[in-house]
């Protein structure tokens, strides 16, 4: 048999065994706690339409913004291999400057204060 056919057979065998075992392992007697919906710390017996704090969304968006900053700056070490590493450095500095100015503005406006 070829190596590819052997790998496909082993992969299908392992997948089938894992699927069969996954049906046997879980407990089949759910209780009240397992059947109740998970509501992120809120009381699941109350209304599901409780308003979230606007501060929560602001902090979440700020986190996503600075997480995106890290994703944009991760390839920076490979930028010195380009034909113009100075241009790469200038673009990265512009991104950092823009985000730093945005952070300072948000800080001055009091957007980072959790409690008023």
PDB file of N, CA and C in Angstrom:
ATOM      1  N   UNK A   1       0.837  -1.189   0.000  1.00  0.00           N
ATOM      2  CA  UNK A   1       0.000   0.000   0.000  1.00  0.00           C
ATOM      3  C   UNK A   1       0.877   1.246   0.000  1.00  0.00           C
ATOM      4  N   UNK A   2       0.343   2.275  -0.575  1.00  0.00           N
ATOM      5  CA  UNK A   2       1.113   3.514  -0.590  1.00  0.00           C
ATOM      6  C   UNK A   2       1.016   4.200   0.773  1.00  0.00           C
ATOM      7  N   UNK A   3       1.925   5.082   0.999  1.00  0.00           N
ATOM      8  CA  UNK A   3       1.983   5.798   2.279  1.00  0.00           C
ATOM      9  C   UNK A   3       0.760   6.695   2.465  1.00  0.00           C
ATOM     10  N   UNK A   4       0.306   7.321   1.413  1.00  0.00           N
ATOM     11  CA  UNK A   4      -0.845   8.216   1.501  1.00  0.00           C
ATOM     12  C   UNK A   4      -2.102   7.426   1.872  1.00  0.00           C
ATOM     13  N   UNK A   5      -2.284   6.262   1.241  1.00  0.00           N
ATOM     14  CA  UNK A   5      -3.450   5.435   1.554  1.00  0.00           C
ATOM     15  C   UNK A   5      -3.393   4.938   2.992  1.00  0.00           C
ATOM     16  N   UNK A   6      -2.226   4.604   3.465  1.00  0.00           N
ATOM     17  CA  UNK A   6      -2.073   4.154   4.851  1.00  0.00           C
ATOM     18  C   UNK A   6      -2.410   5.282   5.837  1.00  0.00           C
ATOM     19  N   UNK A   7      -1.971   6.486   5.557  1.00  0.00           N
ATOM     20  CA  UNK A   7      -2.261   7.625   6.427  1.00  0.00           C
ATOM     21  C   UNK A   7      -3.762   7.915   6.440  1.00  0.00           C
ATOM     22  N   UNK A   8      -4.419   7.836   5.285  1.00  0.00           N
ATOM     23  CA  UNK A   8      -5.863   8.076   5.212  1.00  0.00           C
ATOM     24  C   UNK A   8      -6.621   7.011   5.998  1.00  0.00           C
ATOM     25  N   UNK A   9      -6.216   5.771   5.899  1.00  0.00           N
ATOM     26  CA  UNK A   9      -6.881   4.687   6.636  1.00  0.00           C
ATOM     27  C   UNK A   9      -6.701   4.876   8.140  1.00  0.00           C
ATOM     28  N   UNK A  10      -5.499   5.197   8.576  1.00  0.00           N
ATOM     29  CA  UNK A  10      -5.251   5.416  10.010  1.00  0.00           C
ATOM     30  C   UNK A  10      -6.039   6.621  10.509  1.00  0.00           C
ATOM     31  N   UNK A  11      -6.085   7.687   9.706  1.00  0.00           N
ATOM     32  CA  UNK A  11      -6.839   8.873  10.096  1.00  0.00           C
ATOM     33  C   UNK A  11      -8.336   8.559  10.217  1.00  0.00           C
ATOM     34  N   UNK A  12      -8.891   7.810   9.276  1.00  0.00           N
ATOM     35  CA  UNK A  12     -10.308   7.453   9.339  1.00  0.00           C
ATOM     36  C   UNK A  12     -10.581   6.534  10.528  1.00  0.00           C
ATOM     37  N   UNK A  13      -9.660   5.623  10.830  1.00  0.00           N
ATOM     38  CA  UNK A  13      -9.836   4.709  11.961  1.00  0.00           C
ATOM     39  C   UNK A  13      -9.802   5.472  13.289  1.00  0.00           C
ATOM     40  N   UNK A  14      -8.847   6.358  13.443  1.00  0.00           N
ATOM     41  CA  UNK A  14      -8.762   7.153  14.686  1.00  0.00           C
ATOM     42  C   UNK A  14      -9.986   8.048  14.830  1.00  0.00           C
ATOM     43  N   UNK A  15     -10.440   8.667  13.736  1.00  0.00           N
ATOM     44  CA  UNK A  15     -11.625   9.524  13.801  1.00  0.00           C
ATOM     45  C   UNK A  15     -12.861   8.731  14.191  1.00  0.00           C
ATOM     46  N   UNK A  16     -13.025   7.553  13.629  1.00  0.00           N
ATOM     47  CA  UNK A  16     -14.177   6.709  13.960  1.00  0.00           C
ATOM     48  C   UNK A  16     -14.140   6.281  15.421  1.00  0.00           C
ATOM     49  N   UNK A  17     -12.975   5.907  15.906  1.00  0.00           N
ATOM     50  CA  UNK A  17     -12.854   5.500  17.312  1.00  0.00           C
ATOM     51  C   UNK A  17     -13.182   6.676  18.229  1.00  0.00           C
ATOM     52  N   UNK A  18     -12.688   7.868  17.918  1.00  0.00           N
ATOM     53  CA  UNK A  18     -12.971   9.032  18.753  1.00  0.00           C
ATOM     54  C   UNK A  18     -14.451   9.403  18.730  1.00  0.00           C
ATOM     55  N   UNK A  19     -15.104   9.275  17.594  1.00  0.00           N
ATOM     56  CA  UNK A  19     -16.543   9.567  17.521  1.00  0.00           C
ATOM     57  C   UNK A  19     -17.336   8.575  18.353  1.00  0.00           C
ATOM     58  N   UNK A  20     -17.002   7.318  18.274  1.00  0.00           N
ATOM     59  CA  UNK A  20     -17.725   6.294  19.050  1.00  0.00           C
ATOM     60  C   UNK A  20     -17.501   6.498  20.543  1.00  0.00           C
ATOM     61  N   UNK A  21     -16.269   6.770  20.941  1.00  0.00           N
ATOM     62  CA  UNK A  21     -15.969   6.968  22.363  1.00  0.00           C
ATOM     63  C   UNK A  21     -16.655   8.227  22.889  1.00  0.00           C
ATOM     64  N   UNK A  22     -16.786   9.271  22.064  1.00  0.00           N
ATOM     65  CA  UNK A  22     -17.415  10.501  22.532  1.00  0.00           C
ATOM     66  C   UNK A  22     -18.897  10.312  22.829  1.00  0.00           C
ATOM     67  N   UNK A  23     -19.540   9.328  22.245  1.00  0.00           N
ATOM     68  CA  UNK A  23     -20.937   9.053  22.570  1.00  0.00           C
ATOM     69  C   UNK A  23     -21.072   8.221  23.834  1.00  0.00           C
ATOM     70  N   UNK A  24     -20.058   7.467  24.196  1.00  0.00           N
ATOM     71  CA  UNK A  24     -20.125   6.628  25.389  1.00  0.00           C
ATOM     72  C   UNK A  24     -19.692   7.359  26.655  1.00  0.00           C
ATOM     73  N   UNK A  25     -18.776   8.305  26.557  1.00  0.00           N
ATOM     74  CA  UNK A  25     -18.200   8.939  27.738  1.00  0.00           C
ATOM     75  C   UNK A  25     -19.110   9.905  28.496  1.00  0.00           C
ATOM     76  N   UNK A  26     -19.890  10.753  27.836  1.00  0.00           N
ATOM     77  CA  UNK A  26     -20.643  11.747  28.620  1.00  0.00           C
ATOM     78  C   UNK A  26     -21.710  11.101  29.491  1.00  0.00           C
ATOM     79  N   UNK A  27     -22.010  11.784  30.587  1.00  0.00           N
ATOM     80  CA  UNK A  27     -23.053  11.284  31.469  1.00  0.00           C
ATOM     81  C   UNK A  27     -24.400  11.535  30.819  1.00  0.00           C
ATOM     82  N   UNK A  28     -25.266  10.566  30.925  1.00  0.00           N
ATOM     83  CA  UNK A  28     -26.568  10.674  30.286  1.00  0.00           C
ATOM     84  C   UNK A  28     -27.665  11.078  31.251  1.00  0.00           C
ATOM     85  N   UNK A  29     -27.320  11.594  32.430  1.00  0.00           N
ATOM     86  CA  UNK A  29     -28.325  12.018  33.398  1.00  0.00           C
ATOM     87  C   UNK A  29     -28.137  13.503  33.725  1.00  0.00           C
ATOM     88  N   UNK A  30     -28.638  14.395  32.856  1.00  0.00           N
ATOM     89  CA  UNK A  30     -28.465  15.824  33.125  1.00  0.00           C
ATOM     90  C   UNK A  30     -29.318  16.277  34.306  1.00  0.00           C
ATOM     91  N   UNK A  31     -28.772  17.163  35.104  1.00  0.00           N
ATOM     92  CA  UNK A  31     -29.510  17.693  36.244  1.00  0.00           C
ATOM     93  C   UNK A  31     -29.946  19.133  35.950  1.00  0.00           C
ATOM     94  N   UNK A  32     -30.519  19.789  36.957  1.00  0.00           N
ATOM     95  CA  UNK A  32     -31.054  21.145  36.775  1.00  0.00           C
ATOM     96  C   UNK A  32     -29.962  22.147  36.427  1.00  0.00           C
ATOM     97  N   UNK A  33     -28.783  22.020  37.017  1.00  0.00           N
ATOM     98  CA  UNK A  33     -27.699  22.970  36.771  1.00  0.00           C
ATOM     99  C   UNK A  33     -27.175  22.854  35.338  1.00  0.00           C
ATOM    100  N   UNK A  34     -27.095  21.642  34.811  1.00  0.00           N
ATOM    101  CA  UNK A  34     -26.601  21.466  33.452  1.00  0.00           C
ATOM    102  C   UNK A  34     -27.613  21.933  32.413  1.00  0.00           C
ATOM    103  N   UNK A  35     -28.882  21.877  32.737  1.00  0.00           N
ATOM    104  CA  UNK A  35     -29.909  22.285  31.789  1.00  0.00           C
ATOM    105  C   UNK A  35     -30.187  23.783  31.817  1.00  0.00           C
ATOM    106  N   UNK A  36     -29.722  24.483  32.849  1.00  0.00           N
ATOM    107  CA  UNK A  36     -29.982  25.919  32.935  1.00  0.00           C
ATOM    108  C   UNK A  36     -29.050  26.664  31.968  1.00  0.00           C
ATOM    109  N   UNK A  37     -29.533  27.739  31.347  1.00  0.00           N
ATOM    110  CA  UNK A  37     -28.689  28.475  30.406  1.00  0.00           C
ATOM    111  C   UNK A  37     -27.615  29.272  31.137  1.00  0.00           C
ATOM    112  N   UNK A  38     -26.482  29.400  30.503  1.00  0.00           N
ATOM    113  CA  UNK A  38     -25.385  30.185  31.070  1.00  0.00           C
ATOM    114  C   UNK A  38     -25.566  31.627  30.639  1.00  0.00           C
ATOM    115  N   UNK A  39     -25.664  32.532  31.600  1.00  0.00           N
ATOM    116  CA  UNK A  39     -25.969  33.923  31.301  1.00  0.00           C
ATOM    117  C   UNK A  39     -24.844  34.871  31.720  1.00  0.00           C
ATOM    118  N   UNK A  40     -23.619  34.433  31.682  1.00  0.00           N
ATOM    119  CA  UNK A  40     -22.463  35.309  31.939  1.00  0.00           C
ATOM    120  C   UNK A  40     -22.520  35.991  33.304  1.00  0.00           C
ATOM    121  N   UNK A  41     -22.936  35.295  34.325  1.00  0.00           N
ATOM    122  CA  UNK A  41     -22.951  35.850  35.659  1.00  0.00           C
ATOM    123  C   UNK A  41     -24.256  36.492  36.051  1.00  0.00           C
ATOM    124  N   UNK A  42     -25.173  36.693  35.120  1.00  0.00           N
ATOM    125  CA  UNK A  42     -26.471  37.256  35.448  1.00  0.00           C
ATOM    126  C   UNK A  42     -27.399  36.153  35.937  1.00  0.00           C
ATOM    127  N   UNK A  43     -28.429  36.530  36.654  1.00  0.00           N
ATOM    128  CA  UNK A  43     -29.403  35.576  37.157  1.00  0.00           C
ATOM    129  C   UNK A  43     -30.187  34.998  35.980  1.00  0.00           C
ATOM    130  N   UNK A  44     -30.109  33.693  35.716  1.00  0.00           N
ATOM    131  CA  UNK A  44     -30.802  33.141  34.556  1.00  0.00           C
ATOM    132  C   UNK A  44     -32.322  33.098  34.731  1.00  0.00           C
ATOM    133  N   UNK A  45     -32.824  33.352  35.941  1.00  0.00           N
ATOM    134  CA  UNK A  45     -34.260  33.314  36.151  1.00  0.00           C
ATOM    135  C   UNK A  45     -34.908  34.653  35.828  1.00  0.00           C
ATOM    136  N   UNK A  46     -34.117  35.725  35.767  1.00  0.00           N
ATOM    137  CA  UNK A  46     -34.655  37.049  35.464  1.00  0.00           C
ATOM    138  C   UNK A  46     -34.774  37.253  33.962  1.00  0.00           C
ATOM    139  N   UNK A  47     -35.015  38.494  33.584  1.00  0.00           N
ATOM    140  CA  UNK A  47     -35.141  38.816  32.174  1.00  0.00           C
ATOM    141  C   UNK A  47     -33.788  38.762  31.477  1.00  0.00           C
ATOM    142  N   UNK A  48     -33.794  38.362  30.231  1.00  0.00           N
ATOM    143  CA  UNK A  48     -32.553  38.270  29.459  1.00  0.00           C
ATOM    144  C   UNK A  48     -32.205  39.592  28.798  1.00  0.00           C
ATOM    145  N   UNK A  49     -33.016  40.604  28.972  1.00  0.00           N
ATOM    146  CA  UNK A  49     -32.816  41.884  28.312  1.00  0.00           C
ATOM    147  C   UNK A  49     -32.260  42.946  29.255  1.00  0.00           C
ATOM    148  N   UNK A  50     -31.377  42.550  30.160  1.00  0.00           N
ATOM    149  CA  UNK A  50     -30.755  43.525  31.053  1.00  0.00           C
ATOM    150  C   UNK A  50     -29.758  44.359  30.260  1.00  0.00           C
ATOM    151  N   UNK A  51     -29.763  45.672  30.402  1.00  0.00           N
ATOM    152  CA  UNK A  51     -28.828  46.498  29.626  1.00  0.00           C
ATOM    153  C   UNK A  51     -27.406  46.382  30.164  1.00  0.00           C
ATOM    154  N   UNK A  52     -26.458  46.328  29.255  1.00  0.00           N
ATOM    155  CA  UNK A  52     -25.058  46.324  29.637  1.00  0.00           C
ATOM    156  C   UNK A  52     -24.603  47.763  29.835  1.00  0.00           C
ATOM    157  N   UNK A  53     -23.594  47.919  30.621  1.00  0.00           N
ATOM    158  CA  UNK A  53     -23.017  49.236  30.830  1.00  0.00           C
ATOM    159  C   UNK A  53     -22.285  49.667  29.564  1.00  0.00           C
ATOM    160  N   UNK A  54     -22.409  50.935  29.222  1.00  0.00           N
ATOM    161  CA  UNK A  54     -21.717  51.462  28.055  1.00  0.00           C
ATOM    162  C   UNK A  54     -20.205  51.438  28.270  1.00  0.00           C
ATOM    163  N   UNK A  55     -19.775  51.532  29.515  1.00  0.00           N
ATOM    164  CA  UNK A  55     -18.341  51.464  29.836  1.00  0.00           C
ATOM    165  C   UNK A  55     -17.769  50.092  29.466  1.00  0.00           C
ATOM    166  N   UNK A  56     -18.584  49.049  29.648  1.00  0.00           N
ATOM    167  CA  UNK A  56     -18.138  47.703  29.296  1.00  0.00           C
ATOM    168  C   UNK A  56     -17.817  47.628  27.806  1.00  0.00           C
ATOM    169  N   UNK A  57     -18.689  48.175  26.970  1.00  0.00           N
ATOM    170  CA  UNK A  57     -18.456  48.152  25.531  1.00  0.00           C
ATOM    171  C   UNK A  57     -17.260  49.012  25.156  1.00  0.00           C
ATOM    172  N   UNK A  58     -17.065  50.129  25.830  1.00  0.00           N
ATOM    173  CA  UNK A  58     -15.934  50.998  25.543  1.00  0.00           C
ATOM    174  C   UNK A  58     -14.616  50.289  25.845  1.00  0.00           C
ATOM    175  N   UNK A  59     -14.548  49.625  26.987  1.00  0.00           N
ATOM    176  CA  UNK A  59     -13.324  48.896  27.341  1.00  0.00           C
ATOM    177  C   UNK A  59     -13.098  47.742  26.370  1.00  0.00           C
ATOM    178  N   UNK A  60     -14.186  47.067  25.961  1.00  0.00           N
ATOM    179  CA  UNK A  60     -14.043  45.963  25.003  1.00  0.00           C
ATOM    180  C   UNK A  60     -13.534  46.467  23.654  1.00  0.00           C
ATOM    181  N   UNK A  61     -14.040  47.595  23.195  1.00  0.00           N
ATOM    182  CA  UNK A  61     -13.589  48.137  21.909  1.00  0.00           C
ATOM    183  C   UNK A  61     -12.147  48.617  22.007  1.00  0.00           C
ATOM    184  N   UNK A  62     -11.787  49.212  23.132  1.00  0.00           N
ATOM    185  CA  UNK A  62     -10.385  49.627  23.309  1.00  0.00           C
ATOM    186  C   UNK A  62      -9.454  48.419  23.315  1.00  0.00           C
ATOM    187  N   UNK A  63      -9.898  47.339  23.953  1.00  0.00           N
ATOM    188  CA  UNK A  63      -9.083  46.122  23.951  1.00  0.00           C
ATOM    189  C   UNK A  63      -8.905  45.605  22.526  1.00  0.00           C
ATOM    190  N   UNK A  64      -9.978  45.584  21.752  1.00  0.00           N
ATOM    191  CA  UNK A  64      -9.880  45.106  20.369  1.00  0.00           C
ATOM    192  C   UNK A  64      -8.976  46.011  19.536  1.00  0.00           C
ATOM    193  N   UNK A  65      -9.042  47.310  19.781  1.00  0.00           N
ATOM    194  CA  UNK A  65      -8.213  48.247  19.045  1.00  0.00           C
ATOM    195  C   UNK A  65      -6.733  48.005  19.317  1.00  0.00           C
ATOM    196  N   UNK A  66      -6.369  47.845  20.583  1.00  0.00           N
ATOM    197  CA  UNK A  66      -4.957  47.643  20.891  1.00  0.00           C
ATOM    198  C   UNK A  66      -4.511  46.209  20.586  1.00  0.00           C
ATOM    199  N   UNK A  67      -5.440  45.283  20.535  1.00  0.00           N
ATOM    200  CA  UNK A  67      -5.106  43.938  20.081  1.00  0.00           C
ATOM    201  C   UNK A  67      -4.797  43.971  18.587  1.00  0.00           C
ATOM    202  N   UNK A  68      -5.545  44.763  17.854  1.00  0.00           N
ATOM    203  CA  UNK A  68      -5.280  44.931  16.429  1.00  0.00           C
ATOM    204  C   UNK A  68      -3.932  45.606  16.207  1.00  0.00           C
ATOM    205  N   UNK A  69      -3.575  46.512  17.095  1.00  0.00           N
ATOM    206  CA  UNK A  69      -2.275  47.166  16.997  1.00  0.00           C
ATOM    207  C   UNK A  69      -1.149  46.132  17.076  1.00  0.00           C
ATOM    208  N   UNK A  70      -1.274  45.209  17.981  1.00  0.00           N
ATOM    209  CA  UNK A  70      -0.252  44.159  18.101  1.00  0.00           C
ATOM    210  C   UNK A  70      -0.195  43.327  16.827  1.00  0.00           C
ATOM    211  N   UNK A  71      -1.358  43.020  16.260  1.00  0.00           N
ATOM    212  CA  UNK A  71      -1.383  42.231  15.026  1.00  0.00           C
ATOM    213  C   UNK A  71      -0.744  42.993  13.866  1.00  0.00           C
ATOM    214  N   UNK A  72      -0.894  44.311  13.853  1.00  0.00           N
ATOM    215  CA  UNK A  72      -0.266  45.102  12.790  1.00  0.00           C
ATOM    216  C   UNK A  72       1.241  45.227  12.978  1.00  0.00           C
ATOM    217  N   UNK A  73       1.698  45.201  14.210  1.00  0.00           N
ATOM    218  CA  UNK A  73       3.129  45.382  14.465  1.00  0.00           C
ATOM    219  C   UNK A  73       3.910  44.070  14.541  1.00  0.00           C
ATOM    220  N   UNK A  74       3.215  42.927  14.533  1.00  0.00           N
ATOM    221  CA  UNK A  74       3.936  41.650  14.612  1.00  0.00           C
ATOM    222  C   UNK A  74       4.899  41.412  13.444  1.00  0.00           C
ATOM    223  N   UNK A  75       4.539  41.743  12.210  1.00  0.00           N
ATOM    224  CA  UNK A  75       5.504  41.500  11.123  1.00  0.00           C
ATOM    225  C   UNK A  75       6.625  42.529  11.038  1.00  0.00           C
ATOM    226  N   UNK A  76       6.694  43.440  11.976  1.00  0.00           N
ATOM    227  CA  UNK A  76       7.704  44.497  11.931  1.00  0.00           C
ATOM    228  C   UNK A  76       9.147  43.974  11.922  1.00  0.00           C
ATOM    229  N   UNK A  77       9.500  42.927  12.662  1.00  0.00           N
ATOM    230  CA  UNK A  77      10.898  42.462  12.588  1.00  0.00           C
ATOM    231  C   UNK A  77      11.322  41.995  11.204  1.00  0.00           C
ATOM    232  N   UNK A  78      10.395  41.580  10.371  1.00  0.00           N
ATOM    233  CA  UNK A  78      10.754  41.154   9.024  1.00  0.00           C
ATOM    234  C   UNK A  78      10.825  42.351   8.071  1.00  0.00           C
ATOM    235  N   UNK A  79      10.449  43.528   8.562  1.00  0.00           N
ATOM    236  CA  UNK A  79      10.476  44.722   7.722  1.00  0.00           C
ATOM    237  C   UNK A  79      11.870  45.198   7.393  1.00  0.00           C
ATOM    238  N   UNK A  80      12.863  44.803   8.162  1.00  0.00           N
ATOM    239  CA  UNK A  80      14.228  45.244   7.858  1.00  0.00           C
ATOM    240  C   UNK A  80      14.810  44.499   6.667  1.00  0.00           C
ATOM    241  N   UNK A  81      14.137  43.474   6.191  1.00  0.00           N
ATOM    242  CA  UNK A  81      14.606  42.735   5.022  1.00  0.00           C
ATOM    243  C   UNK A  81      14.056  43.316   3.721  1.00  0.00           C
ATOM    244  N   UNK A  82      13.193  44.313   3.821  1.00  0.00           N
ATOM    245  CA  UNK A  82      12.659  44.947   2.621  1.00  0.00           C
ATOM    246  C   UNK A  82      13.705  45.870   2.023  1.00  0.00           C
ATOM    247  N   UNK A  83      13.395  46.405   0.839  1.00  0.00           N
ATOM    248  CA  UNK A  83      14.368  47.283   0.187  1.00  0.00           C
ATOM    249  C   UNK A  83      14.469  48.639   0.868  1.00  0.00           C
ATOM    250  N   UNK A  84      13.410  49.024   1.626  1.00  0.00           N
ATOM    251  CA  UNK A  84      13.440  50.300   2.329  1.00  0.00           C
ATOM    252  C   UNK A  84      12.981  50.093   3.776  1.00  0.00           C
ATOM    253  N   UNK A  85      13.880  49.672   4.667  1.00  0.00           N
ATOM    254  CA  UNK A  85      13.470  49.457   6.057  1.00  0.00           C
ATOM    255  C   UNK A  85      13.096  50.744   6.779  1.00  0.00           C
ATOM    256  N   UNK A  86      13.610  51.881   6.307  1.00  0.00           N
ATOM    257  CA  UNK A  86      13.261  53.156   6.929  1.00  0.00           C
ATOM    258  C   UNK A  86      11.780  53.470   6.720  1.00  0.00           C
ATOM    259  N   UNK A  87      11.257  53.149   5.542  1.00  0.00           N
ATOM    260  CA  UNK A  87       9.837  53.367   5.267  1.00  0.00           C
ATOM    261  C   UNK A  87       8.974  52.493   6.171  1.00  0.00           C
ATOM    262  N   UNK A  88       9.379  51.250   6.397  1.00  0.00           N
ATOM    263  CA  UNK A  88       8.648  50.361   7.302  1.00  0.00           C
ATOM    264  C   UNK A  88       8.657  50.917   8.715  1.00  0.00           C
ATOM    265  N   UNK A  89       9.813  51.414   9.150  1.00  0.00           N
ATOM    266  CA  UNK A  89       9.909  52.008  10.478  1.00  0.00           C
ATOM    267  C   UNK A  89       9.021  53.241  10.603  1.00  0.00           C
ATOM    268  N   UNK A  90       8.971  54.054   9.569  1.00  0.00           N
ATOM    269  CA  UNK A  90       8.133  55.260   9.607  1.00  0.00           C
ATOM    270  C   UNK A  90       6.648  54.912   9.667  1.00  0.00           C
ATOM    271  N   UNK A  91       6.218  53.907   8.914  1.00  0.00           N
ATOM    272  CA  UNK A  91       4.806  53.492   8.962  1.00  0.00           C
ATOM    273  C   UNK A  91       4.465  52.923  10.333  1.00  0.00           C
ATOM    274  N   UNK A  92       5.336  52.121  10.906  1.00  0.00           N
ATOM    275  CA  UNK A  92       5.079  51.564  12.237  1.00  0.00           C
ATOM    276  C   UNK A  92       5.041  52.672  13.285  1.00  0.00           C
ATOM    277  N   UNK A  93       5.931  53.643  13.141  1.00  0.00           N
ATOM    278  CA  UNK A  93       5.918  54.773  14.072  1.00  0.00           C
ATOM    279  C   UNK A  93       4.645  55.592  13.927  1.00  0.00           C
ATOM    280  N   UNK A  94       4.148  55.745  12.704  1.00  0.00           N
ATOM    281  CA  UNK A  94       2.908  56.487  12.489  1.00  0.00           C
ATOM    282  C   UNK A  94       1.727  55.761  13.137  1.00  0.00           C
ATOM    283  N   UNK A  95       1.681  54.440  13.012  1.00  0.00           N
ATOM    284  CA  UNK A  95       0.609  53.665  13.652  1.00  0.00           C
ATOM    285  C   UNK A  95       0.681  53.817  15.163  1.00  0.00           C
ATOM    286  N   UNK A  96       1.880  53.681  15.724  1.00  0.00           N
ATOM    287  CA  UNK A  96       2.024  53.818  17.176  1.00  0.00           C
ATOM    288  C   UNK A  96       1.677  55.223  17.653  1.00  0.00           C
ATOM    289  N   UNK A  97       2.076  56.227  16.902  1.00  0.00           N
ATOM    290  CA  UNK A  97       1.771  57.607  17.280  1.00  0.00           C
ATOM    291  C   UNK A  97       0.268  57.863  17.236  1.00  0.00           C
ATOM    292  N   UNK A  98      -0.389  57.387  16.188  1.00  0.00           N
ATOM    293  CA  UNK A  98      -1.829  57.579  16.071  1.00  0.00           C
ATOM    294  C   UNK A  98      -2.584  56.892  17.209  1.00  0.00           C
ATOM    295  N   UNK A  99      -2.198  55.674  17.521  1.00  0.00           N
ATOM    296  CA  UNK A  99      -2.874  54.961  18.606  1.00  0.00           C
ATOM    297  C   UNK A  99      -2.541  55.555  19.970  1.00  0.00           C
ATOM    298  N   UNK A 100      -1.332  56.059  20.143  1.00  0.00           N
ATOM    299  CA  UNK A 100      -0.978  56.702  21.408  1.00  0.00           C
ATOM    300  C   UNK A 100      -1.766  57.993  21.594  1.00  0.00           C
ATOM    301  N   UNK A 101      -1.913  58.764  20.531  1.00  0.00           N
ATOM    302  CA  UNK A 101      -2.720  59.982  20.610  1.00  0.00           C
ATOM    303  C   UNK A 101      -4.185  59.660  20.924  1.00  0.00           C
ATOM    304  N   UNK A 102      -4.693  58.576  20.321  1.00  0.00           N
ATOM    305  CA  UNK A 102      -6.059  58.152  20.622  1.00  0.00           C
ATOM    306  C   UNK A 102      -6.217  57.722  22.070  1.00  0.00           C
ATOM    307  N   UNK A 103      -5.217  57.046  22.596  1.00  0.00           N
ATOM    308  CA  UNK A 103      -5.261  56.624  23.998  1.00  0.00           C
ATOM    309  C   UNK A 103      -5.214  57.826  24.932  1.00  0.00           C
ATOM    310  N   UNK A 104      -4.361  58.792  24.616  1.00  0.00           N
ATOM    311  CA  UNK A 104      -4.281  60.002  25.451  1.00  0.00           C
ATOM    312  C   UNK A 104      -5.605  60.762  25.409  1.00  0.00           C
ATOM    313  N   UNK A 105      -6.206  60.866  24.232  1.00  0.00           N
ATOM    314  CA  UNK A 105      -7.498  61.546  24.117  1.00  0.00           C
ATOM    315  C   UNK A 105      -8.566  60.832  24.940  1.00  0.00           C
ATOM    316  N   UNK A 106      -8.592  59.514  24.850  1.00  0.00           N
ATOM    317  CA  UNK A 106      -9.586  58.736  25.603  1.00  0.00           C
ATOM    318  C   UNK A 106      -9.351  58.873  27.107  1.00  0.00           C
ATOM    319  N   UNK A 107      -8.102  58.916  27.504  1.00  0.00           N
ATOM    320  CA  UNK A 107      -7.769  59.074  28.916  1.00  0.00           C
ATOM    321  C   UNK A 107      -8.206  60.453  29.424  1.00  0.00           C
ATOM    322  N   UNK A 108      -7.965  61.491  28.619  1.00  0.00           N
ATOM    323  CA  UNK A 108      -8.347  62.850  29.018  1.00  0.00           C
ATOM    324  C   UNK A 108      -9.861  63.018  29.075  1.00  0.00           C
ATOM    325  N   UNK A 109     -10.592  62.298  28.237  1.00  0.00           N
ATOM    326  CA  UNK A 109     -12.049  62.384  28.231  1.00  0.00           C
ATOM    327  C   UNK A 109     -12.679  61.570  29.367  1.00  0.00           C
ATOM    328  N   UNK A 110     -11.875  60.759  30.060  1.00  0.00           N
ATOM    329  CA  UNK A 110     -12.368  59.954  31.178  1.00  0.00           C
ATOM    330  C   UNK A 110     -12.978  58.643  30.749  1.00  0.00           C
ATOM    331  N   UNK A 111     -12.685  58.206  29.545  1.00  0.00           N
ATOM    332  CA  UNK A 111     -13.246  56.944  29.048  1.00  0.00           C
ATOM    333  C   UNK A 111     -12.655  55.711  29.698  1.00  0.00           C
ATOM    334  N   UNK A 112     -11.499  55.859  30.311  1.00  0.00           N
ATOM    335  CA  UNK A 112     -10.866  54.702  30.951  1.00  0.00           C
ATOM    336  C   UNK A 112     -11.219  54.584  32.430  1.00  0.00           C
ATOM    337  N   UNK A 113     -11.976  55.523  32.943  1.00  0.00           N
ATOM    338  CA  UNK A 113     -12.408  55.459  34.351  1.00  0.00           C
ATOM    339  C   UNK A 113     -13.595  54.502  34.444  1.00  0.00           C
ATOM    340  N   UNK A 114     -13.425  53.413  35.152  1.00  0.00           N
ATOM    341  CA  UNK A 114     -14.499  52.429  35.251  1.00  0.00           C
ATOM    342  C   UNK A 114     -15.611  52.916  36.163  1.00  0.00           C
ATOM    343  N   UNK A 115     -15.273  53.468  37.300  1.00  0.00           N
ATOM    344  CA  UNK A 115     -16.283  53.976  38.242  1.00  0.00           C
ATOM    345  C   UNK A 115     -16.300  55.498  38.153  1.00  0.00           C
ATOM    346  N   UNK A 116     -17.500  56.044  38.167  1.00  0.00           N
ATOM    347  CA  UNK A 116     -17.624  57.504  38.067  1.00  0.00           C
ATOM    348  C   UNK A 116     -17.700  58.135  39.434  1.00  0.00           C
TER     349      UNK A 116
END
